Protein backbone atom coordinates (compact mmCIF):
# COMPACT_ATOMS: atom_id res chain seq x y z
CA MET A 1 4.94 19.13 -23.66
CA GLN A 2 2.67 17.13 -21.35
CA GLY A 3 3.01 13.36 -21.91
CA PHE A 4 1.27 11.52 -19.11
CA PRO A 5 -0.33 12.90 -15.95
CA PHE A 6 2.60 11.74 -13.84
CA PHE A 7 5.53 13.30 -15.72
CA ASN A 8 6.46 16.23 -17.90
CA LEU A 9 8.73 15.94 -20.92
CA GLN A 10 10.82 18.94 -21.87
CA ALA A 11 12.87 19.04 -25.07
CA CYS A 12 15.04 21.47 -27.01
CA ARG A 13 14.17 21.51 -30.72
CA ILE A 14 17.61 22.83 -31.70
CA CYS A 15 19.99 20.38 -29.97
CA GLY A 16 17.63 17.48 -29.22
CA TRP A 17 18.22 17.67 -25.45
CA VAL A 18 15.43 15.92 -23.55
CA GLU A 19 14.60 16.07 -19.84
CA VAL A 20 11.93 14.06 -18.08
CA LEU A 21 10.60 15.58 -14.89
CA PHE A 22 8.72 13.21 -12.63
CA VAL A 23 6.02 15.27 -11.01
CA MET A 24 4.31 12.50 -9.11
CA ASP A 25 5.84 9.24 -7.98
CA ILE A 26 3.85 6.03 -7.66
CA ALA A 27 2.98 6.67 -3.99
CA ASP A 28 1.56 10.09 -4.85
CA ARG A 29 -0.54 8.57 -7.63
CA PHE A 30 -1.84 5.85 -5.28
CA VAL A 31 -2.74 8.37 -2.57
CA GLU A 32 -4.55 10.54 -5.09
CA TYR A 33 -6.46 7.53 -6.43
CA VAL A 34 -7.51 6.39 -2.95
CA HIS A 35 -8.44 9.92 -1.95
CA ASP A 36 -10.73 10.27 -4.97
CA LEU A 37 -12.23 6.80 -4.56
CA ASN A 38 -15.84 6.62 -3.45
CA TYR A 39 -17.28 3.63 -1.59
CA ARG A 40 -20.29 3.57 -3.94
CA ASP A 41 -17.92 3.15 -6.91
CA LEU A 42 -16.59 -0.17 -5.59
CA PRO A 43 -18.10 -3.33 -7.06
CA VAL A 44 -20.16 -5.38 -4.60
CA GLN A 45 -17.79 -8.34 -5.08
CA VAL A 46 -14.81 -6.21 -4.00
CA VAL A 47 -16.57 -5.00 -0.86
CA GLU A 48 -17.62 -8.53 0.07
CA ALA A 49 -14.11 -9.90 -0.53
CA ALA A 50 -12.59 -7.14 1.61
CA LYS A 51 -15.02 -7.89 4.44
CA LYS A 52 -14.11 -11.58 4.33
CA VAL A 53 -10.38 -10.83 4.40
CA VAL A 54 -10.75 -8.49 7.39
CA LEU A 55 -12.92 -10.98 9.29
CA ASP A 56 -10.51 -13.84 8.47
CA THR A 57 -7.59 -11.77 9.77
CA LEU A 58 -9.41 -10.91 12.99
CA ALA A 59 -10.44 -14.55 13.50
CA SER A 60 -6.84 -15.69 12.99
CA MET A 61 -5.62 -13.15 15.52
CA VAL A 62 -8.15 -14.27 18.11
CA ALA A 63 -7.43 -17.96 17.47
CA GLY A 64 -3.70 -17.28 17.76
CA THR A 65 -4.02 -15.97 21.30
CA SER A 66 -4.32 -19.54 22.58
CA ALA A 67 -1.98 -21.28 20.10
CA PRO A 68 0.91 -23.39 21.41
CA GLY A 69 4.06 -21.30 21.78
CA ILE A 70 2.24 -17.97 21.87
CA ASP A 71 3.75 -17.21 25.29
CA ILE A 72 7.23 -17.27 23.70
CA LEU A 73 6.18 -14.84 20.98
CA VAL A 74 4.54 -12.52 23.49
CA SER A 75 7.70 -12.59 25.62
CA LEU A 76 9.85 -11.73 22.60
CA GLY A 77 7.52 -8.89 21.73
CA ARG A 78 7.65 -7.47 25.23
CA HIS A 79 11.41 -7.62 25.50
CA GLY A 80 12.24 -6.59 21.95
CA GLY A 81 14.03 -9.78 20.89
CA GLN A 82 17.77 -9.85 20.34
CA GLY A 83 17.98 -7.28 17.54
CA HIS A 84 19.47 -9.56 14.89
CA ALA A 85 16.32 -10.59 13.05
């Protein structure tokens, strides 16, 4: 018997034994959703919000290149830190 698209339910009518088989986990469902998603299907507000978030992230990264203490972070990144983070 097919319950939902992401799992199958099998049952024995005689003894009442039930087994749930997960066919797709949440990651598989997400990948399938994204794969089938079309840019034209996205609301304009979503596209605009995504653009703002990406631009804000890029601006923060650029601004951070001259922030106080950045040389320490770059040094840690180059040398791998101490391994106990």
